[in-house]
Amino acid sequence: MAPTRDEILSVLSRIPAGPDGTLTSRDMIRALTIDGGLVRFVIEAASADEARALGSAHEAAERALKALPGVTGVQIVMTAPAAPKAPPSLKIGQHPTPQQGGPARVPGVDRIIAIGSGKGGVGKSTLSSNLAVALARQGRRVGLLDADIYGPSQPRMMGVNKRPASPDGKQIEPLQAHGVTMMSIGLMLKDDEAVIWRGPMIMGALQQLISQTLWGELDVLLIDLPPGTGDIQLTLCQRTHLTGAIIVSTPQDVALLDARKAIDMFQKLKVPVLGLVENMSTYICPNCGHEAHLFGHGGVAVEAKRLGVPLLAEIPLALDIRLAGDAGAPVAAGQGPEAEAYARLARQLIAGGIA
């Protein structure tokens, strides 16, 4: 009978890989395949010198696996970069590491608020960036984490494109923009570069962005979630101690259907729903001043009442909000009725002890 992946990894977890751990604890195993009784994988060393020093680990792994019932052959390839990188490079997208004891707090961060939605296109990321800036303008120490690994948008909305530094290859120095400490995987990628990862890599990336970023002392950390109820949301709720979640929706029925699913997910995961925000609530014509409700109006308020949670804000649909986000200067950083809408939301959260 062919060995299982777990059996192979269990054997490799006992093979020392230098003084700092084993082949698995150091996340050195790549491309593991099992073809009948033939086991193939790659050991990825950090440098050519380390690869040469790991010759004994290569031999020990081969001996141990050949002794495993069902293994008929072992093929191991040792790889390493052609030359060491300087400064140390930070590898994002490793598999998540085990965590004991339930959801953990982030050192130095007082409150963590997830901002979610059931579907895309409702303006959740726009709300996250503007709320972060509005809170910072009212004296709060604010962090913003872009947790949308597949579609990060906060670097553009916050007007930053510098790659974060990593002095030791482990910790990440976040960037500052509009008084907000922010981090996004988009800062580690080219503008048109896609993230093509399965769930475990996504969960590992989120864990790294939360736990390895040097957030400093923050009153509140806002986490801009991707739409839906998938791996990112589940990992965040299970591994990070959240103050609660804010749900963003537009007023139309199709958006509310998905918003209810997001609310149900947070409730099942024991994360308090702090309130709802109706985005794109009203549109005021800049020429004649006529007020129109392009997506309907009041649906989110009705849903909030049904759930017994606050309707935190009704944010207008305005061209200036979109233009400001595309320009990397959130409208909340300026003046006017749109900026005031986010300022009112920030004041309400502060007054309620939420942020």
Protein backbone atom coordinates (compact mmCIF):
# COMPACT_ATOMS: atom_id res chain seq x y z
CA MET A 1 0.00 0.00 0.00
CA ALA A 2 1.40 3.41 -1.02
CA PRO A 3 2.34 5.79 1.81
CA THR A 4 0.19 8.86 2.44
CA ARG A 5 1.33 12.48 2.25
CA ASP A 6 0.89 12.82 6.02
CA GLU A 7 3.11 9.79 6.64
CA ILE A 8 5.82 11.23 4.41
CA LEU A 9 5.68 14.63 6.12
CA SER A 10 5.72 12.97 9.53
CA VAL A 11 9.00 11.26 8.66
CA LEU A 12 10.48 14.47 7.27
CA SER A 13 9.45 16.37 10.40
CA ARG A 14 12.05 14.32 12.29
CA ILE A 15 14.94 15.11 9.95
CA PRO A 16 17.14 17.93 11.33
CA ALA A 17 17.89 20.77 8.90
CA GLY A 18 20.58 22.72 10.69
CA PRO A 19 20.34 24.18 14.20
CA ASP A 20 17.06 26.02 13.59
CA GLY A 21 14.64 23.16 13.02
CA THR A 22 13.64 20.30 10.75
CA LEU A 23 12.89 20.04 7.05
CA THR A 24 9.18 20.65 7.67
CA SER A 25 9.36 23.18 10.51
CA ARG A 26 11.56 25.35 8.28
CA ASP A 27 9.11 24.94 5.38
CA MET A 28 11.79 23.54 3.05
CA ILE A 29 9.75 20.82 1.30
CA ARG A 30 8.42 21.66 -2.16
CA ALA A 31 6.62 19.76 -4.97
CA LEU A 32 5.97 16.60 -2.93
CA THR A 33 4.43 13.86 -5.10
CA ILE A 34 3.69 10.20 -4.44
CA ASP A 35 3.48 7.94 -7.49
CA GLY A 36 2.60 4.47 -6.21
CA GLY A 37 5.56 3.73 -3.97
CA LEU A 38 7.84 6.35 -5.57
CA VAL A 39 8.27 9.51 -3.48
CA ARG A 40 9.61 12.69 -5.10
CA PHE A 41 10.18 16.15 -3.62
CA VAL A 42 12.46 19.17 -3.56
CA ILE A 43 14.41 20.50 -0.58
CA GLU A 44 14.65 24.28 -1.00
CA ALA A 45 17.64 25.75 0.84
CA ALA A 46 18.15 29.44 1.45
CA SER A 47 21.57 29.54 -0.24
CA ALA A 48 24.06 27.41 -2.13
CA ASP A 49 26.22 27.17 1.02
CA GLU A 50 23.27 25.91 3.05
CA ALA A 51 22.40 23.39 0.34
CA ARG A 52 25.90 21.95 0.57
CA ALA A 53 25.67 21.84 4.37
CA LEU A 54 22.37 19.96 4.17
CA GLY A 55 23.90 16.93 2.44
CA SER A 56 23.46 14.88 5.60
CA ALA A 57 19.79 15.86 5.81
CA HIS A 58 19.33 14.76 2.19
CA GLU A 59 20.83 11.35 2.98
CA ALA A 60 18.93 10.98 6.28
CA ALA A 61 15.62 11.77 4.58
CA GLU A 62 16.28 9.22 1.85
CA ARG A 63 17.18 6.48 4.37
CA ALA A 64 14.19 7.19 6.60
CA LEU A 65 11.70 7.22 3.74
CA LYS A 66 13.04 4.01 2.20
CA ALA A 67 12.40 2.33 5.55
CA LEU A 68 8.75 3.41 5.44
CA PRO A 69 6.35 0.58 4.46
CA GLY A 70 5.10 0.94 0.92
CA VAL A 71 7.98 3.14 -0.31
CA THR A 72 9.74 1.59 -3.31
CA GLY A 73 11.92 4.53 -4.28
CA VAL A 74 12.89 8.08 -3.25
CA GLN A 75 13.98 10.94 -5.51
CA ILE A 76 15.13 14.14 -3.79
CA VAL A 77 16.37 17.30 -5.49
CA MET A 78 18.19 20.01 -3.53
CA THR A 79 17.76 23.57 -4.81
CA ALA A 80 18.93 27.03 -3.73
CA PRO A 81 19.10 30.55 -5.17
CA ALA A 82 22.15 31.21 -7.32
CA ALA A 83 23.29 33.93 -4.91
CA PRO A 84 22.09 35.31 -1.57
CA LYS A 85 19.77 38.29 -1.71
CA ALA A 86 20.46 41.53 0.12
CA PRO A 87 18.62 42.76 2.01
CA PRO A 88 17.06 39.49 3.23
CA SER A 89 14.07 38.53 1.13
CA LEU A 90 10.70 37.90 2.72
CA LYS A 91 8.83 34.90 1.36
CA ILE A 92 5.07 35.49 1.41
CA GLY A 93 2.65 32.64 0.84
CA GLN A 94 4.01 29.82 2.98
CA HIS A 95 1.69 27.25 4.49
CA PRO A 96 0.20 28.40 7.81
CA THR A 97 2.01 27.35 10.97
CA PRO A 98 0.17 25.59 13.81
CA GLN A 99 -1.44 27.78 16.46
CA GLN A 100 -2.64 26.64 19.85
CA GLY A 101 -5.11 28.27 22.21
CA GLY A 102 -7.70 29.75 19.87
CA PRO A 103 -7.81 33.24 18.34
CA ALA A 104 -4.76 35.31 19.27
CA ARG A 105 -4.35 39.03 19.84
CA VAL A 106 -1.95 41.09 17.77
CA PRO A 107 0.70 42.65 20.04
CA GLY A 108 0.23 46.39 20.44
CA VAL A 109 -3.18 46.47 18.74
CA ASP A 110 -6.15 47.35 20.94
CA ARG A 111 -9.07 46.58 18.59
CA ILE A 112 -9.36 44.71 15.30
CA ILE A 113 -12.38 45.29 13.06
CA ALA A 114 -13.06 43.19 9.97
CA ILE A 115 -14.86 44.96 7.14
CA GLY A 116 -16.70 42.44 5.01
CA SER A 117 -19.37 41.98 2.40
CA GLY A 118 -21.21 39.09 0.85
CA LYS A 119 -20.35 40.08 -2.71
CA GLY A 120 -17.89 42.16 -4.65
CA GLY A 121 -18.51 45.60 -6.07
CA VAL A 122 -20.32 47.11 -3.10
CA GLY A 123 -17.49 49.52 -2.21
CA LYS A 124 -16.07 47.70 0.79
CA SER A 125 -12.43 48.59 0.02
CA THR A 126 -13.37 52.22 -0.61
CA LEU A 127 -15.13 52.31 2.73
CA SER A 128 -12.14 50.70 4.47
CA SER A 129 -9.60 53.21 3.18
CA ASN A 130 -11.80 56.25 3.83
CA LEU A 131 -12.81 55.06 7.29
CA ALA A 132 -9.15 54.48 8.19
CA VAL A 133 -8.27 58.03 7.11
CA ALA A 134 -11.30 59.51 8.88
CA LEU A 135 -10.37 57.77 12.14
CA ALA A 136 -6.76 58.95 11.83
CA ARG A 137 -7.92 62.53 11.29
CA GLN A 138 -9.77 62.31 14.61
CA GLY A 139 -6.64 61.33 16.48
CA ARG A 140 -6.85 57.56 16.46
CA ARG A 141 -3.78 55.42 15.79
CA VAL A 142 -5.04 53.39 12.84
CA GLY A 143 -3.78 50.42 10.86
CA LEU A 144 -5.21 49.12 7.59
CA LEU A 145 -4.58 45.58 6.35
CA ASP A 146 -5.60 44.67 2.81
CA ALA A 147 -6.60 41.01 3.22
CA ASP A 148 -7.87 40.62 -0.34
CA ILE A 149 -4.96 38.46 -1.48
CA TYR A 150 -6.29 37.85 -5.00
CA GLY A 151 -7.42 41.42 -5.67
CA PRO A 152 -5.53 43.88 -3.46
CA SER A 153 -6.65 47.46 -4.09
CA GLN A 154 -5.49 49.42 -1.05
CA PRO A 155 -2.06 50.37 -2.47
CA ARG A 156 -3.79 52.27 -5.28
CA MET A 157 -6.50 53.74 -3.04
CA MET A 158 -4.01 54.87 -0.39
CA GLY A 159 -1.50 56.15 -2.95
CA VAL A 160 1.48 53.96 -1.99
CA ASN A 161 3.65 51.78 -4.20
CA LYS A 162 6.90 51.35 -2.27
CA ARG A 163 7.89 47.79 -1.40
CA PRO A 164 7.91 47.25 2.40
CA ALA A 165 11.29 46.59 3.97
CA SER A 166 12.14 43.41 5.84
CA PRO A 167 15.38 43.84 7.80
CA ASP A 168 15.65 40.19 8.82
CA GLY A 169 13.60 38.37 6.16
CA LYS A 170 10.90 37.67 8.74
CA GLN A 171 9.36 40.90 10.03
CA ILE A 172 7.69 43.43 7.72
CA GLU A 173 7.92 47.18 8.10
CA PRO A 174 4.52 48.59 7.01
CA LEU A 175 4.09 51.83 5.10
CA GLN A 176 2.46 55.09 6.20
CA ALA A 177 -0.13 56.97 4.15
CA HIS A 178 -2.53 59.76 5.17
CA GLY A 179 -1.76 59.09 8.84
CA VAL A 180 -2.54 55.37 8.51
CA THR A 181 -0.18 52.42 8.97
CA MET A 182 -0.98 50.09 6.09
CA MET A 183 0.07 46.77 4.61
CA SER A 184 -1.04 44.84 1.52
CA ILE A 185 0.31 41.94 -0.48
CA GLY A 186 -0.20 44.24 -3.45
CA LEU A 187 2.88 46.12 -2.27
CA MET A 188 4.92 42.94 -2.86
CA LEU A 189 3.70 42.43 -6.44
CA LYS A 190 3.86 44.13 -9.80
CA ASP A 191 0.66 45.95 -10.76
CA ASP A 192 -0.38 43.30 -13.30
CA GLU A 193 0.98 40.24 -11.47
CA ALA A 194 -1.62 37.65 -10.47
CA VAL A 195 -1.59 35.61 -7.27
CA ILE A 196 -2.19 31.99 -8.30
CA TRP A 197 -2.33 30.11 -5.01
CA ARG A 198 -4.49 27.47 -3.44
CA GLY A 199 -6.11 27.84 -0.03
CA PRO A 200 -3.19 26.85 2.23
CA MET A 201 -0.86 29.40 0.62
CA ILE A 202 -3.53 32.10 0.92
CA MET A 203 -4.07 31.28 4.61
CA GLY A 204 -0.33 31.31 5.23
CA ALA A 205 0.02 34.69 3.51
CA LEU A 206 -2.74 36.18 5.68
CA GLN A 207 -1.10 34.81 8.82
CA GLN A 208 2.21 36.38 7.81
CA LEU A 209 0.68 39.77 6.98
CA ILE A 210 -1.02 39.92 10.37
CA SER A 211 1.60 38.43 12.67
CA GLN A 212 4.88 39.45 11.00
CA THR A 213 4.01 43.09 10.28
CA LEU A 214 5.46 45.55 12.79
CA TRP A 215 2.18 47.36 13.47
CA GLY A 216 3.44 49.23 16.52
CA GLU A 217 0.89 50.64 18.98
CA LEU A 218 -2.55 50.98 17.36
CA ASP A 219 -5.96 51.92 18.70
CA VAL A 220 -7.65 50.04 15.88
CA LEU A 221 -6.66 47.83 12.96
CA LEU A 222 -9.14 47.68 10.06
CA ILE A 223 -9.00 44.54 7.93
CA ASP A 224 -10.37 44.90 4.41
CA LEU A 225 -11.65 41.42 3.57
CA PRO A 226 -12.31 39.96 0.13
CA PRO A 227 -15.97 39.33 -0.74
CA GLY A 228 -17.61 36.06 0.21
CA THR A 229 -17.25 33.54 3.02
CA GLY A 230 -14.13 31.58 2.11
CA ASP A 231 -10.66 30.68 3.37
CA ILE A 232 -9.57 34.22 4.28
CA GLN A 233 -12.62 34.92 6.42
CA LEU A 234 -12.50 31.54 8.15
CA THR A 235 -8.77 31.77 8.85
CA LEU A 236 -9.05 35.31 10.20
CA CYS A 237 -11.93 34.50 12.56
CA GLN A 238 -10.34 31.30 13.86
CA ARG A 239 -6.80 32.62 14.35
CA THR A 240 -7.18 36.32 15.22
CA HIS A 241 -9.06 37.87 18.13
CA LEU A 242 -11.53 40.24 16.46
CA THR A 243 -13.44 43.02 18.15
CA GLY A 244 -16.15 42.54 15.57
CA ALA A 245 -17.18 42.97 11.95
CA ILE A 246 -18.80 45.74 9.92
CA ILE A 247 -20.86 44.59 6.94
CA VAL A 248 -21.05 46.75 3.81
CA SER A 249 -23.88 46.41 1.30
CA THR A 250 -25.64 48.40 -1.37
CA PRO A 251 -29.43 48.70 -0.99
CA GLN A 252 -30.57 46.37 -3.77
CA ASP A 253 -31.96 42.94 -2.96
CA VAL A 254 -29.24 40.96 -4.75
CA ALA A 255 -26.54 42.58 -2.61
CA LEU A 256 -28.52 42.09 0.58
CA LEU A 257 -28.95 38.38 -0.17
CA ASP A 258 -25.18 37.95 -0.07
CA ALA A 259 -24.73 40.34 2.85
CA ARG A 260 -26.99 38.10 4.93
CA LYS A 261 -24.64 35.19 4.20
CA ALA A 262 -21.66 37.19 5.42
CA ILE A 263 -23.59 38.12 8.58
CA ASP A 264 -24.54 34.49 9.14
CA MET A 265 -20.89 33.43 8.76
CA PHE A 266 -19.64 35.91 11.37
CA GLN A 267 -22.40 34.91 13.78
CA LYS A 268 -21.57 31.21 13.40
CA LEU A 269 -17.89 31.99 14.01
CA LYS A 270 -18.81 33.94 17.18
CA VAL A 271 -17.63 37.30 15.82
CA PRO A 272 -19.93 40.18 16.84
CA VAL A 273 -21.55 42.07 13.97
CA LEU A 274 -21.00 45.69 15.02
CA GLY A 275 -23.32 47.17 12.44
CA LEU A 276 -24.18 47.64 8.78
CA VAL A 277 -23.24 50.35 6.30
CA GLU A 278 -25.42 51.20 3.31
CA ASN A 279 -23.04 52.21 0.54
CA MET A 280 -24.03 54.01 -2.69
CA SER A 281 -27.14 55.02 -0.78
CA THR A 282 -28.13 58.17 -2.66
CA TYR A 283 -26.96 60.08 -5.71
CA ILE A 284 -27.25 63.86 -5.92
CA CYS A 285 -26.95 65.31 -9.41
CA PRO A 286 -24.13 67.88 -9.42
CA ASN A 287 -25.95 69.94 -12.05
CA CYS A 288 -29.50 70.23 -10.70
CA GLY A 289 -29.26 68.88 -7.15
CA HIS A 290 -31.88 66.18 -7.76
CA GLU A 291 -31.57 63.25 -5.34
CA ALA A 292 -31.93 59.78 -6.87
CA HIS A 293 -31.71 56.27 -5.45
CA LEU A 294 -30.08 54.33 -8.27
CA PHE A 295 -29.78 51.10 -6.27
CA GLY A 296 -32.88 51.57 -4.15
CA HIS A 297 -32.79 53.00 -0.66
CA GLY A 298 -33.37 51.84 2.90
CA GLY A 299 -32.90 48.11 2.35
CA VAL A 300 -29.84 47.95 4.59
CA ALA A 301 -31.65 49.89 7.32
CA VAL A 302 -34.49 47.36 7.26
CA GLU A 303 -32.01 44.49 7.45
CA ALA A 304 -30.15 46.12 10.36
CA LYS A 305 -33.43 46.53 12.25
CA ARG A 306 -34.35 42.90 11.59
CA LEU A 307 -30.99 41.75 12.99
CA GLY A 308 -31.05 44.16 15.92
CA VAL A 309 -27.75 45.81 14.98
CA PRO A 310 -27.04 49.50 14.24
CA LEU A 311 -27.19 51.06 10.81
CA LEU A 312 -23.84 52.80 11.11
CA ALA A 313 -23.93 55.01 8.02
CA GLU A 314 -25.48 55.76 4.65
CA ILE A 315 -22.65 56.68 2.28
CA PRO A 316 -23.60 58.52 -0.91
CA LEU A 317 -22.78 57.48 -4.46
CA ALA A 318 -20.52 60.28 -5.66
CA LEU A 319 -18.05 60.69 -8.49
CA ASP A 320 -15.56 62.44 -6.19
CA ILE A 321 -15.27 59.32 -4.01
CA ARG A 322 -14.29 57.21 -7.01
CA LEU A 323 -11.90 59.81 -8.45
CA ALA A 324 -10.19 60.27 -5.08
CA GLY A 325 -9.69 56.53 -4.64
CA ASP A 326 -8.23 56.13 -8.12
CA ALA A 327 -5.88 59.04 -7.42
CA GLY A 328 -4.62 57.52 -4.15
CA ALA A 329 -6.01 60.37 -2.04
CA PRO A 330 -9.12 59.12 -0.18
CA VAL A 331 -11.92 61.66 -0.17
CA ALA A 332 -12.01 61.46 3.64
CA ALA A 333 -8.65 63.24 3.68
CA GLY A 334 -10.29 66.39 2.29
CA GLN A 335 -13.37 68.51 2.87
CA GLY A 336 -16.94 68.39 1.61
CA PRO A 337 -20.11 66.36 2.10
CA GLU A 338 -18.51 63.07 1.08
CA ALA A 339 -15.63 63.50 3.55
CA GLU A 340 -18.15 64.43 6.25
CA ALA A 341 -20.09 61.18 5.66
CA TYR A 342 -17.00 59.17 6.60
CA ALA A 343 -16.18 61.54 9.46
CA ARG A 344 -19.65 60.96 10.95
CA LEU A 345 -19.11 57.21 10.75
CA ALA A 346 -15.71 57.54 12.44
CA ARG A 347 -17.17 59.70 15.22
CA GLN A 348 -19.95 57.20 15.82
CA LEU A 349 -17.49 54.31 16.11
CA ILE A 350 -15.30 56.27 18.52
CA ALA A 351 -18.26 57.38 20.63
CA GLY A 352 -19.49 53.79 20.84
CA GLY A 353 -16.08 52.54 22.01
CA ILE A 354 -15.70 50.46 18.85
CA ALA A 355 -12.68 52.31 17.38
